[in-house]
Amino acid sequence: MAPAVSSAVRQAVSVALATGLYGVSFGALSVVAGLDVWQTMALSLVMFSGGSQFAFIGVAGSGGSPGAAIATAALVGLRNALYGPQVAPLIEVTGPRRLLAAQLTIDESTAVGTAQRDPAAARAGFWWTGAGVFLLWNAFTLVGALVGDSAGDPRRYGLDAAAAAAFLALVWPRLSNRTAQAVAGAAVVVALSTTPVLPSGVPVLLAAAVAVLVGVLWRSRPAAAVTDAVASHQSEGASVRRVEEPGS
């Protein structure tokens, strides 16, 4: 095995272990939200997106309608569709393997795969991470669901309050710049202000709409910024030429 591939596999295994262990939290919290073991496992096996799964049980556990829970989970999971154009050129799969690749296209597999410079290492990083997270996430989801079910009502241990904390832990690393922090702050204001007057789950959808609106408005900004930069550069160039001209 080439050194680059070995390094990618080691990264994949470490990421899979860390992410898979987190499945215990989802399994236990899903039981808190009122889902049984089989329903919890169906979410992990079919949906297989930590953010979407936590969003689903968060809405369902707070009394939201099934439609609101599904819509919220779908909005959170939209980012996975955006990973496709990044991953497809790396793994170059056709036929039934495309379906498998689509199921394994998540934050972790995309991150490890795209971080590799060698094509073979990129493919190894993607597949090892995706498969490792899938197996361990589902295994520990089952552990969490069984432990949560056998322990009675986990809310007496404070696990119900951990749902928001777990979801925040997924989002927090992405708030790395002022724009993301501002969008998150605005979304929080919208969610908190509409929670007392709207059905459960709807405030989350409105908060997500804030990010969508900012994204749409932000698309026109780069072009304007480039135009301003070009105009400024031309103005500075003209000023320099005037200074350098004889008799200026």
C-alpha atoms as a PDB file:
ATOM      1  CA  MET A   1       0.000   0.000   0.000  1.00  0.00           C
ATOM      2  CA  ALA A   2       1.404   3.389  -1.008  1.00  0.00           C
ATOM      3  CA  PRO A   3       2.331   5.795   1.829  1.00  0.00           C
ATOM      4  CA  ALA A   4      -0.281   8.339   0.731  1.00  0.00           C
ATOM      5  CA  VAL A   5      -2.998   5.675   0.752  1.00  0.00           C
ATOM      6  CA  SER A   6      -1.889   4.360   4.154  1.00  0.00           C
ATOM      7  CA  SER A   7      -2.053   7.873   5.575  1.00  0.00           C
ATOM      8  CA  ALA A   8      -5.550   8.371   4.159  1.00  0.00           C
ATOM      9  CA  VAL A   9      -6.728   5.072   5.655  1.00  0.00           C
ATOM     10  CA  ARG A  10      -5.351   6.020   9.076  1.00  0.00           C
ATOM     11  CA  GLN A  11      -7.176   9.334   8.908  1.00  0.00           C
ATOM     12  CA  ALA A  12     -10.346   7.555   7.856  1.00  0.00           C
ATOM     13  CA  VAL A  13     -10.206   5.076  10.723  1.00  0.00           C
ATOM     14  CA  SER A  14      -9.633   7.776  13.340  1.00  0.00           C
ATOM     15  CA  VAL A  15     -12.487   9.904  12.002  1.00  0.00           C
ATOM     16  CA  ALA A  16     -14.799   6.879  11.789  1.00  0.00           C
ATOM     17  CA  LEU A  17     -14.100   5.916  15.403  1.00  0.00           C
ATOM     18  CA  ALA A  18     -14.706   9.422  16.734  1.00  0.00           C
ATOM     19  CA  THR A  19     -17.893   9.886  14.726  1.00  0.00           C
ATOM     20  CA  GLY A  20     -19.201   6.389  15.321  1.00  0.00           C
ATOM     21  CA  LEU A  21     -18.984   6.724  19.092  1.00  0.00           C
ATOM     22  CA  TYR A  22     -21.206   9.771  18.832  1.00  0.00           C
ATOM     23  CA  GLY A  23     -23.975   7.458  17.651  1.00  0.00           C
ATOM     24  CA  VAL A  24     -24.558   6.403  21.272  1.00  0.00           C
ATOM     25  CA  SER A  25     -25.872   9.895  21.959  1.00  0.00           C
ATOM     26  CA  PHE A  26     -28.254   9.781  19.024  1.00  0.00           C
ATOM     27  CA  GLY A  27     -29.590   6.348  19.974  1.00  0.00           C
ATOM     28  CA  ALA A  28     -30.324   7.419  23.541  1.00  0.00           C
ATOM     29  CA  LEU A  29     -31.810  10.785  22.527  1.00  0.00           C
ATOM     30  CA  SER A  30     -34.008   9.147  19.921  1.00  0.00           C
ATOM     31  CA  VAL A  31     -35.542   6.989  22.644  1.00  0.00           C
ATOM     32  CA  VAL A  32     -36.133  10.148  24.679  1.00  0.00           C
ATOM     33  CA  ALA A  33     -37.961  11.657  21.715  1.00  0.00           C
ATOM     34  CA  GLY A  34     -40.390   8.734  21.699  1.00  0.00           C
ATOM     35  CA  LEU A  35     -39.026   6.539  18.906  1.00  0.00           C
ATOM     36  CA  ASP A  36     -38.541   2.838  19.519  1.00  0.00           C
ATOM     37  CA  VAL A  37     -35.369   0.885  18.777  1.00  0.00           C
ATOM     38  CA  TRP A  38     -36.444  -0.161  15.270  1.00  0.00           C
ATOM     39  CA  GLN A  39     -37.462   3.360  14.290  1.00  0.00           C
ATOM     40  CA  THR A  40     -34.187   4.698  15.639  1.00  0.00           C
ATOM     41  CA  MET A  41     -32.179   2.182  13.632  1.00  0.00           C
ATOM     42  CA  ALA A  42     -34.194   2.946  10.492  1.00  0.00           C
ATOM     43  CA  LEU A  43     -33.219   6.598  10.785  1.00  0.00           C
ATOM     44  CA  SER A  44     -29.533   5.773  11.135  1.00  0.00           C
ATOM     45  CA  LEU A  45     -29.518   3.195   8.356  1.00  0.00           C
ATOM     46  CA  VAL A  46     -31.584   5.099   5.787  1.00  0.00           C
ATOM     47  CA  MET A  47     -31.159   8.794   6.592  1.00  0.00           C
ATOM     48  CA  PHE A  48     -27.535   8.394   7.751  1.00  0.00           C
ATOM     49  CA  SER A  49     -26.856  12.056   8.390  1.00  0.00           C
ATOM     50  CA  GLY A  50     -26.125  13.051  11.963  1.00  0.00           C
ATOM     51  CA  GLY A  51     -27.333  16.633  11.644  1.00  0.00           C
ATOM     52  CA  SER A  52     -30.577  15.612   9.940  1.00  0.00           C
ATOM     53  CA  GLN A  53     -31.189  12.833  12.446  1.00  0.00           C
ATOM     54  CA  PHE A  54     -30.753  15.118  15.437  1.00  0.00           C
ATOM     55  CA  ALA A  55     -32.973  17.720  13.750  1.00  0.00           C
ATOM     56  CA  PHE A  56     -35.673  15.094  13.152  1.00  0.00           C
ATOM     57  CA  ILE A  57     -35.801  13.803  16.709  1.00  0.00           C
ATOM     58  CA  GLY A  58     -35.537  17.346  18.068  1.00  0.00           C
ATOM     59  CA  VAL A  59     -38.734  18.374  16.287  1.00  0.00           C
ATOM     60  CA  ALA A  60     -40.478  15.055  16.911  1.00  0.00           C
ATOM     61  CA  GLY A  61     -39.538  15.024  20.592  1.00  0.00           C
ATOM     62  CA  SER A  62     -40.891  18.535  21.155  1.00  0.00           C
ATOM     63  CA  GLY A  63     -44.298  17.648  19.742  1.00  0.00           C
ATOM     64  CA  GLY A  64     -43.815  18.840  16.181  1.00  0.00           C
ATOM     65  CA  SER A  65     -45.752  17.325  13.313  1.00  0.00           C
ATOM     66  CA  PRO A  66     -44.195  14.583  11.178  1.00  0.00           C
ATOM     67  CA  GLY A  67     -44.182  16.967   8.223  1.00  0.00           C
ATOM     68  CA  ALA A  68     -42.224  19.599  10.146  1.00  0.00           C
ATOM     69  CA  ALA A  69     -39.759  16.971  11.368  1.00  0.00           C
ATOM     70  CA  ILE A  70     -39.182  15.638   7.839  1.00  0.00           C
ATOM     71  CA  ALA A  71     -38.880  19.118   6.320  1.00  0.00           C
ATOM     72  CA  THR A  72     -36.415  20.233   8.969  1.00  0.00           C
ATOM     73  CA  ALA A  73     -34.282  17.122   8.509  1.00  0.00           C
ATOM     74  CA  ALA A  74     -34.368  17.566   4.727  1.00  0.00           C
ATOM     75  CA  LEU A  75     -33.220  21.189   4.945  1.00  0.00           C
ATOM     76  CA  VAL A  76     -30.345  20.266   7.219  1.00  0.00           C
ATOM     77  CA  GLY A  77     -29.361  17.456   4.862  1.00  0.00           C
ATOM     78  CA  LEU A  78     -29.319  19.601   1.720  1.00  0.00           C
ATOM     79  CA  ARG A  79     -25.611  20.215   2.205  1.00  0.00           C
ATOM     80  CA  ASN A  80     -24.913  16.557   1.389  1.00  0.00           C
ATOM     81  CA  ALA A  81     -26.234  17.129  -2.136  1.00  0.00           C
ATOM     82  CA  LEU A  82     -23.675  19.894  -2.581  1.00  0.00           C
ATOM     83  CA  TYR A  83     -20.876  17.438  -1.827  1.00  0.00           C
ATOM     84  CA  GLY A  84     -21.664  15.413  -4.949  1.00  0.00           C
ATOM     85  CA  PRO A  85     -19.836  17.649  -7.454  1.00  0.00           C
ATOM     86  CA  GLN A  86     -16.757  17.563  -5.202  1.00  0.00           C
ATOM     87  CA  VAL A  87     -16.746  13.815  -4.630  1.00  0.00           C
ATOM     88  CA  ALA A  88     -17.765  12.495  -8.070  1.00  0.00           C
ATOM     89  CA  PRO A  89     -14.506  13.408  -9.864  1.00  0.00           C
ATOM     90  CA  LEU A  90     -12.477  11.838  -7.052  1.00  0.00           C
ATOM     91  CA  ILE A  91     -14.067   8.400  -6.886  1.00  0.00           C
ATOM     92  CA  GLU A  92     -15.193   8.008 -10.536  1.00  0.00           C
ATOM     93  CA  VAL A  93     -17.806   5.308  -9.970  1.00  0.00           C
ATOM     94  CA  THR A  94     -20.540   4.086 -12.303  1.00  0.00           C
ATOM     95  CA  GLY A  95     -23.549   1.817 -12.092  1.00  0.00           C
ATOM     96  CA  PRO A  96     -24.805   0.505  -8.734  1.00  0.00           C
ATOM     97  CA  ARG A  97     -21.701   1.785  -6.952  1.00  0.00           C
ATOM     98  CA  ARG A  98     -22.987   5.320  -7.511  1.00  0.00           C
ATOM     99  CA  LEU A  99     -25.926   4.563  -5.215  1.00  0.00           C
ATOM    100  CA  LEU A 100     -23.562   3.275  -2.541  1.00  0.00           C
ATOM    101  CA  ALA A 101     -21.326   6.308  -2.963  1.00  0.00           C
ATOM    102  CA  ALA A 102     -24.339   8.613  -2.623  1.00  0.00           C
ATOM    103  CA  GLN A 103     -25.317   6.949   0.658  1.00  0.00           C
ATOM    104  CA  LEU A 104     -21.780   7.337   2.008  1.00  0.00           C
ATOM    105  CA  THR A 105     -21.371  10.958   0.921  1.00  0.00           C
ATOM    106  CA  ILE A 106     -21.365  12.743   4.267  1.00  0.00           C
ATOM    107  CA  ASP A 107     -19.352  15.482   5.962  1.00  0.00           C
ATOM    108  CA  GLU A 108     -16.598  13.149   7.131  1.00  0.00           C
ATOM    109  CA  SER A 109     -16.068  11.114   3.962  1.00  0.00           C
ATOM    110  CA  THR A 110     -16.051  14.265   1.846  1.00  0.00           C
ATOM    111  CA  ALA A 111     -13.586  15.990   4.147  1.00  0.00           C
ATOM    112  CA  VAL A 112     -11.119  13.102   4.268  1.00  0.00           C
ATOM    113  CA  GLY A 113     -11.406  12.360   0.542  1.00  0.00           C
ATOM    114  CA  THR A 114     -10.973  15.922  -0.681  1.00  0.00           C
ATOM    115  CA  ALA A 115      -8.058  16.512   1.696  1.00  0.00           C
ATOM    116  CA  GLN A 116      -5.872  14.015  -0.200  1.00  0.00           C
ATOM    117  CA  ARG A 117      -3.676  15.120  -3.096  1.00  0.00           C
ATOM    118  CA  ASP A 118      -3.109  11.659  -4.537  1.00  0.00           C
ATOM    119  CA  PRO A 119      -6.127  10.268  -6.490  1.00  0.00           C
ATOM    120  CA  ALA A 120      -5.746   6.773  -5.037  1.00  0.00           C
ATOM    121  CA  ALA A 121      -5.507   8.219  -1.528  1.00  0.00           C
ATOM    122  CA  ALA A 122      -8.601  10.347  -2.145  1.00  0.00           C
ATOM    123  CA  ARG A 123     -10.597   7.285  -3.153  1.00  0.00           C
ATOM    124  CA  ALA A 124      -9.327   5.303  -0.175  1.00  0.00           C
ATOM    125  CA  GLY A 125     -10.074   8.164   2.200  1.00  0.00           C
ATOM    126  CA  PHE A 126     -13.626   8.510   0.921  1.00  0.00           C
ATOM    127  CA  TRP A 127     -14.542   4.813   0.963  1.00  0.00           C
ATOM    128  CA  TRP A 128     -12.833   3.922   4.225  1.00  0.00           C
ATOM    129  CA  THR A 129     -14.321   6.903   6.018  1.00  0.00           C
ATOM    130  CA  GLY A 130     -17.805   6.450   4.610  1.00  0.00           C
ATOM    131  CA  ALA A 131     -17.941   2.716   5.286  1.00  0.00           C
ATOM    132  CA  GLY A 132     -16.327   3.058   8.714  1.00  0.00           C
ATOM    133  CA  VAL A 133     -18.688   5.772   9.874  1.00  0.00           C
ATOM    134  CA  PHE A 134     -21.698   3.885   8.521  1.00  0.00           C
ATOM    135  CA  LEU A 135     -20.826   0.675  10.377  1.00  0.00           C
ATOM    136  CA  LEU A 136     -19.805   2.292  13.663  1.00  0.00           C
ATOM    137  CA  TRP A 137     -22.533   4.937  13.693  1.00  0.00           C
ATOM    138  CA  ASN A 138     -25.215   2.295  13.316  1.00  0.00           C
ATOM    139  CA  ALA A 139     -23.584  -0.076  15.803  1.00  0.00           C
ATOM    140  CA  PHE A 140     -23.358   2.589  18.501  1.00  0.00           C
ATOM    141  CA  THR A 141     -26.812   3.922  17.655  1.00  0.00           C
ATOM    142  CA  LEU A 142     -28.124   0.474  18.549  1.00  0.00           C
ATOM    143  CA  VAL A 143     -26.123   0.495  21.794  1.00  0.00           C
ATOM    144  CA  GLY A 144     -27.481   3.907  22.738  1.00  0.00           C
ATOM    145  CA  ALA A 145     -31.052   2.948  21.893  1.00  0.00           C
ATOM    146  CA  LEU A 146     -30.891  -0.295  23.886  1.00  0.00           C
ATOM    147  CA  VAL A 147     -29.249   1.326  26.891  1.00  0.00           C
ATOM    148  CA  GLY A 148     -31.674   4.238  26.779  1.00  0.00           C
ATOM    149  CA  ASP A 149     -34.648   1.886  26.539  1.00  0.00           C
ATOM    150  CA  SER A 150     -33.534  -0.419  29.338  1.00  0.00           C
ATOM    151  CA  ALA A 151     -32.697   2.483  31.665  1.00  0.00           C
ATOM    152  CA  GLY A 152     -36.258   3.737  31.622  1.00  0.00           C
ATOM    153  CA  ASP A 153     -36.999   7.385  30.933  1.00  0.00           C
ATOM    154  CA  PRO A 154     -33.578   8.915  30.128  1.00  0.00           C
ATOM    155  CA  ARG A 155     -34.921  12.413  30.788  1.00  0.00           C
ATOM    156  CA  ARG A 156     -34.342  11.883  34.483  1.00  0.00           C
ATOM    157  CA  TYR A 157     -30.617  11.824  33.652  1.00  0.00           C
ATOM    158  CA  GLY A 158     -30.877  15.104  31.761  1.00  0.00           C
ATOM    159  CA  LEU A 159     -30.405  13.507  28.329  1.00  0.00           C
ATOM    160  CA  ASP A 160     -33.366  15.400  26.887  1.00  0.00           C
ATOM    161  CA  ALA A 161     -31.438  18.648  27.334  1.00  0.00           C
ATOM    162  CA  ALA A 162     -28.473  17.127  25.508  1.00  0.00           C
ATOM    163  CA  ALA A 163     -30.258  17.161  22.128  1.00  0.00           C
ATOM    164  CA  ALA A 164     -29.734  20.877  21.635  1.00  0.00           C
ATOM    165  CA  ALA A 165     -26.159  20.619  22.904  1.00  0.00           C
ATOM    166  CA  ALA A 166     -25.396  17.728  20.554  1.00  0.00           C
ATOM    167  CA  PHE A 167     -26.778  19.599  17.560  1.00  0.00           C
ATOM    168  CA  LEU A 168     -24.864  22.737  18.538  1.00  0.00           C
ATOM    169  CA  ALA A 169     -21.678  20.664  18.685  1.00  0.00           C
ATOM    170  CA  LEU A 170     -22.205  19.724  15.036  1.00  0.00           C
ATOM    171  CA  VAL A 171     -22.747  23.335  13.973  1.00  0.00           C
ATOM    172  CA  TRP A 172     -20.196  25.138  16.152  1.00  0.00           C
ATOM    173  CA  PRO A 173     -17.021  24.266  14.158  1.00  0.00           C
ATOM    174  CA  ARG A 174     -18.592  25.847  11.071  1.00  0.00           C
ATOM    175  CA  LEU A 175     -18.990  29.244  12.763  1.00  0.00           C
ATOM    176  CA  SER A 176     -15.415  30.140  11.972  1.00  0.00           C
ATOM    177  CA  ASN A 177     -15.916  33.598  10.466  1.00  0.00           C
ATOM    178  CA  ARG A 178     -17.956  36.700  11.183  1.00  0.00           C
ATOM    179  CA  THR A 179     -20.393  36.114   8.348  1.00  0.00           C
ATOM    180  CA  ALA A 180     -21.312  32.647   9.621  1.00  0.00           C
ATOM    181  CA  GLN A 181     -21.587  33.977  13.176  1.00  0.00           C
ATOM    182  CA  ALA A 182     -23.860  36.817  12.049  1.00  0.00           C
ATOM    183  CA  VAL A 183     -26.114  34.439  10.123  1.00  0.00           C
ATOM    184  CA  ALA A 184     -26.284  32.077  13.104  1.00  0.00           C
ATOM    185  CA  GLY A 185     -27.129  34.973  15.421  1.00  0.00           C
ATOM    186  CA  ALA A 186     -29.918  36.171  13.143  1.00  0.00           C
ATOM    187  CA  ALA A 187     -31.283  32.628  12.857  1.00  0.00           C
ATOM    188  CA  VAL A 188     -31.303  32.292  16.651  1.00  0.00           C
ATOM    189  CA  VAL A 189     -33.224  35.567  17.008  1.00  0.00           C
ATOM    190  CA  VAL A 190     -35.808  34.438  14.450  1.00  0.00           C
ATOM    191  CA  ALA A 191     -36.211  31.014  16.068  1.00  0.00           C
ATOM    192  CA  LEU A 192     -36.537  32.375  19.608  1.00  0.00           C
ATOM    193  CA  SER A 193     -38.962  35.124  18.647  1.00  0.00           C
ATOM    194  CA  THR A 194     -41.283  32.811  16.692  1.00  0.00           C
ATOM    195  CA  THR A 195     -41.211  29.799  19.019  1.00  0.00           C
ATOM    196  CA  PRO A 196     -43.956  31.100  21.367  1.00  0.00           C
ATOM    197  CA  VAL A 197     -46.414  31.765  18.524  1.00  0.00           C
ATOM    198  CA  LEU A 198     -45.763  29.096  15.884  1.00  0.00           C
ATOM    199  CA  PRO A 199     -46.065  25.276  15.890  1.00  0.00           C
ATOM    200  CA  SER A 200     -43.016  23.265  16.870  1.00  0.00           C
ATOM    201  CA  GLY A 201     -40.591  22.828  13.997  1.00  0.00           C
ATOM    202  CA  VAL A 202     -41.719  25.873  12.015  1.00  0.00           C
ATOM    203  CA  PRO A 203     -39.316  28.279  13.804  1.00  0.00           C
ATOM    204  CA  VAL A 204     -36.435  26.018  12.760  1.00  0.00           C
ATOM    205  CA  LEU A 205     -37.563  26.232   9.134  1.00  0.00           C
ATOM    206  CA  LEU A 206     -37.744  30.030   9.364  1.00  0.00           C
ATOM    207  CA  ALA A 207     -34.286  30.135  10.918  1.00  0.00           C
ATOM    208  CA  ALA A 208     -32.977  28.077   7.997  1.00  0.00           C
ATOM    209  CA  ALA A 209     -34.667  30.514   5.626  1.00  0.00           C
ATOM    210  CA  VAL A 210     -32.481  33.261   7.100  1.00  0.00           C
ATOM    211  CA  ALA A 211     -29.367  31.443   5.889  1.00  0.00           C
ATOM    212  CA  VAL A 212     -30.938  30.869   2.457  1.00  0.00           C
ATOM    213  CA  LEU A 213     -31.818  34.564   2.159  1.00  0.00           C
ATOM    214  CA  VAL A 214     -28.311  35.630   3.119  1.00  0.00           C
ATOM    215  CA  GLY A 215     -26.867  33.202   0.580  1.00  0.00           C
ATOM    216  CA  VAL A 216     -29.045  34.607  -2.206  1.00  0.00           C
ATOM    217  CA  LEU A 217     -28.136  38.190  -1.328  1.00  0.00           C
ATOM    218  CA  TRP A 218     -24.458  37.312  -0.944  1.00  0.00           C
ATOM    219  CA  ARG A 219     -24.230  35.941  -4.490  1.00  0.00           C
ATOM    220  CA  SER A 220     -24.430  39.435  -5.968  1.00  0.00           C
ATOM    221  CA  ARG A 221     -21.754  40.814  -3.672  1.00  0.00           C
ATOM    222  CA  PRO A 222     -18.618  39.198  -5.193  1.00  0.00           C
ATOM    223  CA  ALA A 223     -19.340  40.677  -8.643  1.00  0.00           C
ATOM    224  CA  ALA A 224     -19.855  44.115  -7.164  1.00  0.00           C
ATOM    225  CA  ALA A 225     -16.692  43.751  -5.103  1.00  0.00           C
ATOM    226  CA  VAL A 226     -14.670  42.807  -8.197  1.00  0.00           C
ATOM    227  CA  THR A 227     -16.062  45.797 -10.108  1.00  0.00           C
ATOM    228  CA  ASP A 228     -15.157  48.142  -7.265  1.00  0.00           C
ATOM    229  CA  ALA A 229     -11.680  46.636  -7.017  1.00  0.00           C
ATOM    230  CA  VAL A 230     -11.056  47.038 -10.755  1.00  0.00           C
ATOM    231  CA  ALA A 231     -12.281  50.625 -10.691  1.00  0.00           C
ATOM    232  CA  SER A 232     -10.091  51.382  -7.678  1.00  0.00           C
ATOM    233  CA  HIS A 233      -7.076  49.771  -9.352  1.00  0.00           C
ATOM    234  CA  GLN A 234      -7.635  51.770 -12.545  1.00  0.00           C
ATOM    235  CA  SER A 235      -7.991  54.971 -10.532  1.00  0.00           C
ATOM    236  CA  GLU A 236      -4.769  54.285  -8.657  1.00  0.00           C
ATOM    237  CA  GLY A 237      -2.986  53.503 -11.927  1.00  0.00           C
ATOM    238  CA  ALA A 238      -4.118  56.775 -13.451  1.00  0.00           C
ATOM    239  CA  SER A 239      -2.910  58.679 -10.402  1.00  0.00           C
ATOM    240  CA  VAL A 240       0.504  57.021 -10.595  1.00  0.00           C
ATOM    241  CA  ARG A 241       0.818  57.852 -14.290  1.00  0.00           C
ATOM    242  CA  ARG A 242      -0.021  61.499 -13.619  1.00  0.00           C
ATOM    243  CA  VAL A 243       2.670  61.678 -10.940  1.00  0.00           C
ATOM    244  CA  GLU A 244       5.238  60.056 -13.189  1.00  0.00           C
ATOM    245  CA  GLU A 245       4.510  62.275 -16.201  1.00  0.00           C
ATOM    246  CA  PRO A 246       7.078  65.060 -16.807  1.00  0.00           C
ATOM    247  CA  GLY A 247       5.917  68.354 -15.509  1.00  0.00           C
ATOM    248  CA  SER A 248       3.416  66.827 -13.087  1.00  0.00           C
END
